[in-house]
């Protein structure tokens, strides 16, 4: 490409409902920040992006609003998404770079044709010359280190904040799968509603997320744990604390966990007509990725309900970005797997 070509970056973007990760070719993951912007309410001017916007979230005055422009893994607010990605790219900017040549973007496997066009359009608007779309399960499989080209079935379950992706991959394609719009955010929202309804206590998104991480579980713990949760009494408006245990939170988040496991079983049932792949999955087990993979006891619960061995991949929250990075470093090698 010559000297001028070296001034352009190749980047991969894992755009999630909660966090966005940017991988720069030759450098690795350069940024991992919240998918959030803060704007002035009247003028619409962006005043903060990513980590700075999250710090402002729920502590802002009425003149400023915060926005998460993605919902269930897809663009919900086009303009805000464009501002978010432009700002995050600027944060990760390489000293010698003038623009973007190739860009690889992760998308849910259940994305519609209209949503794909929207993603491609915004990618060109942020300066990309060539745009490649890659489904989350395929990126996760590559990030885990699986050979997606082999004639062997591999099952990936990637639980993010907005979607749960379930896919059985073989020969560079998805044999069976489902994009379930039930994931980590649903568990967080159920925790918020539980505190509202059961204790008349308002808690923040951040507090609910902390409760989910520390107390959340999908299977009975050997030793149940407790924590003090602080919020505001909805009647008095005064600060209040509650002591909550892991058994209670497990019951609160049980519905989305059951929905995810039901979807996993449904994907396996489709393989009745492909017994060889069913044997592969039985032999090799299931690979868990995404932030939801860290939910305590989820591997035990899936094993109990499906009889499959469950492997929690290393660094599950960055595995999609790592897979996209591998693709970015070898654009031509992976031409068969891009989504059109």
Protein backbone atom coordinates (compact mmCIF):
# COMPACT_ATOMS: atom_id res chain seq x y z
CA UNK A 1 0.00 0.00 0.00
CA UNK A 2 3.07 2.23 0.29
CA UNK A 3 4.01 4.99 2.71
CA UNK A 4 0.60 6.67 2.73
CA UNK A 5 -1.07 3.30 3.33
CA UNK A 6 0.94 2.88 6.50
CA UNK A 7 -0.68 6.03 7.88
CA UNK A 8 -4.09 4.36 7.88
CA UNK A 9 -5.25 2.01 10.63
CA UNK A 10 -7.08 -1.29 10.44
CA UNK A 11 -9.38 -1.64 13.44
CA UNK A 12 -11.96 -4.04 14.86
CA UNK A 13 -14.84 -2.87 17.05
CA UNK A 14 -16.84 -5.06 19.41
CA UNK A 15 -19.84 -2.81 20.05
CA UNK A 16 -21.80 -4.04 23.05
CA UNK A 17 -24.86 -2.70 24.82
CA UNK A 18 -22.72 -2.09 27.93
CA UNK A 19 -19.11 -1.84 26.70
CA UNK A 20 -17.28 -1.23 23.44
CA UNK A 21 -13.82 -2.68 22.74
CA UNK A 22 -11.48 -1.47 20.00
CA UNK A 23 -8.67 -3.60 18.58
CA UNK A 24 -5.97 -1.93 16.48
CA UNK A 25 -4.09 -4.10 14.00
CA UNK A 26 -0.56 -4.77 15.19
CA UNK A 27 -1.29 -3.35 18.66
CA UNK A 28 -4.06 -5.47 20.20
CA UNK A 29 -7.00 -4.28 22.31
CA UNK A 30 -6.44 -0.54 22.67
CA UNK A 31 -9.65 0.46 24.44
CA UNK A 32 -12.46 -1.03 26.55
CA UNK A 33 -14.99 1.56 27.73
CA UNK A 34 -18.72 1.87 28.49
CA UNK A 35 -21.03 2.32 25.49
CA UNK A 36 -22.39 5.60 26.80
CA UNK A 37 -22.39 9.28 25.92
CA UNK A 38 -23.46 12.37 27.92
CA UNK A 39 -25.15 15.30 26.18
CA UNK A 40 -26.41 18.77 27.04
CA UNK A 41 -30.19 18.42 27.01
CA UNK A 42 -30.91 21.69 25.18
CA UNK A 43 -28.11 21.91 22.61
CA UNK A 44 -27.45 18.20 22.13
CA UNK A 45 -23.71 18.86 22.46
CA UNK A 46 -21.72 15.79 23.55
CA UNK A 47 -19.88 16.55 26.80
CA UNK A 48 -18.49 13.09 27.68
CA UNK A 49 -17.96 9.68 26.09
CA UNK A 50 -17.24 6.23 27.50
CA UNK A 51 -15.74 6.10 30.99
CA UNK A 52 -16.27 9.82 31.64
CA UNK A 53 -19.97 9.53 30.67
CA UNK A 54 -20.44 6.56 33.02
CA UNK A 55 -18.92 8.55 35.91
CA UNK A 56 -21.50 11.28 35.22
CA UNK A 57 -24.38 8.77 34.90
CA UNK A 58 -26.96 9.08 37.71
CA UNK A 59 -25.01 12.01 39.23
CA UNK A 60 -25.88 14.59 36.62
CA UNK A 61 -28.08 17.68 36.83
CA UNK A 62 -31.25 18.04 34.69
CA UNK A 63 -29.35 19.92 31.98
CA UNK A 64 -27.35 16.84 31.00
CA UNK A 65 -28.59 13.41 29.88
CA UNK A 66 -26.73 10.14 29.41
CA UNK A 67 -27.51 7.75 26.56
CA UNK A 68 -26.68 4.12 25.85
CA UNK A 69 -27.18 4.11 22.07
CA UNK A 70 -27.25 0.33 21.66
CA UNK A 71 -29.99 -2.01 22.83
CA UNK A 72 -29.95 -5.81 22.59
CA UNK A 73 -26.66 -5.62 20.67
CA UNK A 74 -27.99 -3.42 17.82
CA UNK A 75 -28.12 0.29 17.11
CA UNK A 76 -31.07 1.97 18.81
CA UNK A 77 -29.91 5.58 18.36
CA UNK A 78 -27.98 6.04 15.12
CA UNK A 79 -26.60 9.55 15.76
CA UNK A 80 -25.55 8.73 19.32
CA UNK A 81 -23.82 5.53 18.13
CA UNK A 82 -21.90 7.52 15.55
CA UNK A 83 -20.82 10.05 18.21
CA UNK A 84 -19.84 7.22 20.56
CA UNK A 85 -17.70 5.34 18.03
CA UNK A 86 -16.07 8.50 16.67
CA UNK A 87 -15.17 9.55 20.20
CA UNK A 88 -13.83 6.14 21.22
CA UNK A 89 -11.80 5.82 18.01
CA UNK A 90 -10.31 9.24 18.74
CA UNK A 91 -9.39 8.06 22.25
CA UNK A 92 -7.59 5.04 20.84
CA UNK A 93 -5.97 6.93 17.97
CA UNK A 94 -2.53 5.76 16.91
CA UNK A 95 0.02 8.60 16.73
CA UNK A 96 0.84 7.96 13.06
CA UNK A 97 -2.69 7.30 11.79
CA UNK A 98 -4.69 9.53 9.44
CA UNK A 99 -7.76 7.36 8.91
CA UNK A 100 -9.28 3.88 8.77
CA UNK A 101 -8.70 1.43 5.94
CA UNK A 102 -10.32 -1.87 7.04
CA UNK A 103 -12.85 -2.09 9.86
CA UNK A 104 -14.27 -5.33 11.30
CA UNK A 105 -17.45 -4.94 13.37
CA UNK A 106 -19.16 -7.58 15.50
CA UNK A 107 -22.93 -8.03 15.09
CA UNK A 108 -25.53 -10.37 16.63
CA UNK A 109 -26.19 -13.50 14.57
CA UNK A 110 -29.88 -12.57 14.50
CA UNK A 111 -29.30 -9.11 12.98
CA UNK A 112 -31.78 -8.06 10.28
CA UNK A 113 -30.91 -6.80 6.80
CA UNK A 114 -31.98 -3.28 7.81
CA UNK A 115 -29.79 -3.39 10.91
CA UNK A 116 -26.82 -4.59 8.81
CA UNK A 117 -27.25 -1.65 6.43
CA UNK A 118 -27.34 0.70 9.42
CA UNK A 119 -24.07 -0.74 10.78
CA UNK A 120 -22.33 -0.51 7.39
CA UNK A 121 -23.59 3.03 6.89
CA UNK A 122 -22.33 4.29 10.24
CA UNK A 123 -18.97 2.51 9.71
CA UNK A 124 -18.47 4.44 6.46
CA UNK A 125 -19.52 7.65 8.23
CA UNK A 126 -16.78 7.23 10.84
CA UNK A 127 -14.25 7.05 8.02
CA UNK A 128 -13.82 3.36 7.14
CA UNK A 129 -12.99 2.47 3.53
CA UNK A 130 -13.80 -1.25 3.75
CA UNK A 131 -16.32 -2.74 6.19
CA UNK A 132 -16.47 -6.39 7.29
CA UNK A 133 -19.26 -7.71 9.55
CA UNK A 134 -18.60 -10.73 11.75
CA UNK A 135 -21.15 -12.48 13.97
CA UNK A 136 -20.44 -12.62 17.71
CA UNK A 137 -20.43 -16.46 17.97
CA UNK A 138 -17.95 -16.79 15.09
CA UNK A 139 -15.68 -14.14 16.61
CA UNK A 140 -15.94 -15.84 20.02
CA UNK A 141 -15.01 -19.24 18.54
CA UNK A 142 -11.93 -17.74 16.89
CA UNK A 143 -11.05 -15.88 20.10
CA UNK A 144 -11.27 -19.11 22.10
CA UNK A 145 -8.82 -20.70 19.65
CA UNK A 146 -11.14 -23.19 17.95
CA UNK A 147 -10.52 -24.21 14.35
CA UNK A 148 -13.78 -23.08 12.76
CA UNK A 149 -12.75 -24.51 9.38
CA UNK A 150 -12.60 -28.15 10.53
CA UNK A 151 -15.40 -30.65 9.94
CA UNK A 152 -16.16 -30.76 13.65
CA UNK A 153 -19.06 -29.37 15.63
CA UNK A 154 -18.30 -26.73 18.28
CA UNK A 155 -20.96 -25.17 20.48
CA UNK A 156 -20.54 -21.56 21.61
CA UNK A 157 -22.77 -19.74 24.11
CA UNK A 158 -21.85 -16.05 24.37
CA UNK A 159 -23.84 -14.21 27.06
CA UNK A 160 -23.44 -10.47 26.79
CA UNK A 161 -25.36 -7.63 28.37
CA UNK A 162 -27.99 -7.30 25.62
CA UNK A 163 -28.05 -10.65 23.84
CA UNK A 164 -27.25 -14.32 24.34
CA UNK A 165 -25.78 -15.92 21.23
CA UNK A 166 -26.03 -19.70 20.91
CA UNK A 167 -24.34 -21.30 17.93
CA UNK A 168 -23.09 -24.69 16.76
CA UNK A 169 -20.26 -24.06 14.30
CA UNK A 170 -18.74 -26.37 11.69
CA UNK A 171 -16.90 -25.79 8.39
CA UNK A 172 -16.92 -21.97 8.69
CA UNK A 173 -20.69 -21.82 9.20
CA UNK A 174 -23.39 -21.88 11.85
CA UNK A 175 -25.21 -25.23 11.71
CA UNK A 176 -27.74 -24.35 14.41
CA UNK A 177 -28.19 -21.34 16.60
CA UNK A 178 -30.29 -18.62 18.12
CA UNK A 179 -29.83 -14.98 19.03
CA UNK A 180 -31.79 -14.59 22.27
CA UNK A 181 -32.53 -11.03 23.34
CA UNK A 182 -32.31 -12.06 26.96
CA UNK A 183 -29.01 -11.55 28.76
CA UNK A 184 -27.16 -9.77 31.57
CA UNK A 185 -29.16 -6.53 31.45
CA UNK A 186 -32.38 -8.46 32.08
CA UNK A 187 -30.90 -9.87 35.28
CA UNK A 188 -29.77 -6.40 36.38
CA UNK A 189 -33.23 -4.92 35.70
CA UNK A 190 -34.92 -7.73 37.67
CA UNK A 191 -32.69 -6.92 40.65
CA UNK A 192 -33.68 -3.24 40.46
CA UNK A 193 -37.38 -4.17 40.33
CA UNK A 194 -36.97 -6.60 43.23
CA UNK A 195 -35.59 -3.88 45.49
CA UNK A 196 -38.36 -1.50 44.41
CA UNK A 197 -41.14 -4.00 45.02
CA UNK A 198 -39.87 -5.98 48.02
CA UNK A 199 -38.08 -3.29 50.01
CA UNK A 200 -39.54 -0.04 48.62
CA UNK A 201 -35.93 0.84 47.86
CA UNK A 202 -34.58 2.58 44.76
CA UNK A 203 -31.08 1.45 43.76
CA UNK A 204 -28.90 2.58 40.85
CA UNK A 205 -27.96 0.56 37.78
CA UNK A 206 -24.39 0.45 39.10
CA UNK A 207 -25.50 -0.93 42.47
CA UNK A 208 -27.72 -3.56 40.83
CA UNK A 209 -24.83 -4.64 38.59
CA UNK A 210 -22.62 -4.95 41.68
CA UNK A 211 -25.27 -7.10 43.39
CA UNK A 212 -25.47 -9.35 40.31
CA UNK A 213 -21.69 -9.80 40.19
CA UNK A 214 -21.22 -10.42 43.91
CA UNK A 215 -24.40 -12.34 44.81
CA UNK A 216 -25.77 -13.61 41.50
CA UNK A 217 -25.69 -17.36 40.86
CA UNK A 218 -27.39 -19.97 38.72
CA UNK A 219 -26.80 -22.92 41.04
CA UNK A 220 -26.92 -23.34 44.82
CA UNK A 221 -23.64 -22.19 46.36
CA UNK A 222 -21.72 -24.33 48.83
CA UNK A 223 -21.87 -21.37 51.19
CA UNK A 224 -24.45 -18.64 50.59
CA UNK A 225 -23.18 -15.06 50.90
CA UNK A 226 -24.63 -11.72 51.98
CA UNK A 227 -23.98 -8.06 51.31
CA UNK A 228 -25.30 -4.69 52.44
CA UNK A 229 -27.07 -2.80 49.66
CA UNK A 230 -27.64 0.96 49.92
CA UNK A 231 -30.38 2.91 48.20
CA UNK A 232 -33.12 5.48 48.75
CA UNK A 233 -36.45 4.71 50.44
CA UNK A 234 -39.16 5.49 47.89
CA UNK A 235 -41.59 6.69 50.58
CA UNK A 236 -39.35 8.85 52.77
CA UNK A 237 -36.69 9.83 50.24
CA UNK A 238 -34.04 9.02 52.83
CA UNK A 239 -30.98 6.76 52.41
CA UNK A 240 -31.52 3.20 53.59
CA UNK A 241 -29.58 -0.08 53.71
CA UNK A 242 -30.69 -3.67 53.28
CA UNK A 243 -28.91 -6.94 53.98
CA UNK A 244 -29.47 -9.28 51.00
CA UNK A 245 -28.34 -12.87 50.46
CA UNK A 246 -27.29 -14.84 47.36
CA UNK A 247 -30.20 -17.30 47.64
CA UNK A 248 -32.68 -14.43 47.23
CA UNK A 249 -30.86 -12.97 44.24
CA UNK A 250 -30.63 -16.42 42.61
CA UNK A 251 -34.41 -16.65 42.75
CA UNK A 252 -34.79 -13.09 41.41
CA UNK A 253 -32.70 -13.76 38.28
CA UNK A 254 -33.91 -17.34 37.71
CA UNK A 255 -36.24 -16.57 34.78
CA UNK A 256 -33.67 -15.26 32.26
CA UNK A 257 -31.27 -18.07 33.22
CA UNK A 258 -33.99 -20.65 32.55
CA UNK A 259 -34.77 -18.97 29.20
CA UNK A 260 -31.10 -19.17 28.18
CA UNK A 261 -30.82 -22.85 29.12
CA UNK A 262 -34.08 -23.64 27.31
CA UNK A 263 -32.65 -22.01 24.18
CA UNK A 264 -29.45 -24.08 24.51
CA UNK A 265 -31.51 -27.27 24.70
CA UNK A 266 -33.58 -26.16 21.71
CA UNK A 267 -30.40 -25.67 19.63
CA UNK A 268 -29.26 -29.17 20.57
CA UNK A 269 -32.63 -30.71 19.63
CA UNK A 270 -32.25 -29.38 16.07
CA UNK A 271 -29.20 -31.63 15.70
CA UNK A 272 -31.33 -34.80 15.73
CA UNK A 273 -31.00 -34.76 11.93
CA UNK A 274 -27.20 -34.31 12.21
CA UNK A 275 -26.14 -37.08 14.63
CA UNK A 276 -22.42 -36.78 13.81
CA UNK A 277 -22.34 -33.17 15.01
CA UNK A 278 -24.35 -34.17 18.11
CA UNK A 279 -21.61 -36.68 18.95
CA UNK A 280 -18.97 -33.95 18.48
CA UNK A 281 -20.78 -31.68 20.95
CA UNK A 282 -21.21 -34.55 23.42
CA UNK A 283 -17.47 -35.31 23.20
CA UNK A 284 -16.17 -31.74 23.24
CA UNK A 285 -18.75 -29.97 25.38
CA UNK A 286 -19.94 -26.38 25.27
CA UNK A 287 -17.85 -23.18 25.42
CA UNK A 288 -19.14 -20.28 27.52
CA UNK A 289 -18.08 -16.72 26.65
CA UNK A 290 -19.20 -13.17 27.44
CA UNK A 291 -19.67 -11.49 30.81
CA UNK A 292 -22.52 -13.87 31.68
CA UNK A 293 -20.04 -16.76 31.69
CA UNK A 294 -18.75 -15.39 35.00
CA UNK A 295 -22.11 -15.88 36.76
CA UNK A 296 -21.43 -18.23 39.65
CA UNK A 297 -22.62 -21.80 39.10
CA UNK A 298 -23.85 -21.26 35.54
CA UNK A 299 -21.57 -24.00 34.21
CA UNK A 300 -22.94 -26.44 36.82
CA UNK A 301 -26.54 -25.50 36.00
CA UNK A 302 -26.04 -25.99 32.25
CA UNK A 303 -24.29 -29.31 32.88
CA UNK A 304 -27.14 -30.46 35.14
CA UNK A 305 -29.79 -29.59 32.53
CA UNK A 306 -27.98 -30.76 29.37
CA UNK A 307 -25.38 -33.33 30.55
CA UNK A 308 -22.75 -31.42 28.54
CA UNK A 309 -19.28 -30.59 29.82
CA UNK A 310 -19.06 -26.79 30.07
CA UNK A 311 -15.81 -24.91 29.41
CA UNK A 312 -15.58 -21.30 30.62
CA UNK A 313 -13.10 -19.65 28.26
CA UNK A 314 -10.22 -17.50 29.49
CA UNK A 315 -11.06 -13.80 29.80
CA UNK A 316 -14.64 -14.32 28.56
CA UNK A 317 -15.41 -10.58 28.39
CA UNK A 318 -12.74 -9.91 25.76
CA UNK A 319 -12.88 -13.15 23.76
CA UNK A 320 -15.03 -11.65 20.97
CA UNK A 321 -12.64 -8.71 20.56
CA UNK A 322 -9.68 -11.09 20.48
CA UNK A 323 -11.36 -13.18 17.79
CA UNK A 324 -12.07 -10.08 15.75
CA UNK A 325 -8.45 -9.05 16.18
CA UNK A 326 -7.31 -12.40 14.79
CA UNK A 327 -9.59 -11.83 11.79
CA UNK A 328 -8.29 -8.28 11.35
CA UNK A 329 -4.70 -9.51 11.28
CA UNK A 330 -5.67 -12.07 8.59
CA UNK A 331 -8.43 -10.44 6.53
CA UNK A 332 -8.02 -12.67 3.47
CA UNK A 333 -7.83 -15.93 5.45
CA UNK A 334 -11.31 -15.42 6.91
CA UNK A 335 -13.17 -14.15 3.81
CA UNK A 336 -15.59 -17.11 3.93
CA UNK A 337 -17.08 -16.15 7.30
CA UNK A 338 -18.06 -12.50 6.87
CA UNK A 339 -21.78 -11.83 7.00
CA UNK A 340 -23.27 -10.10 3.94
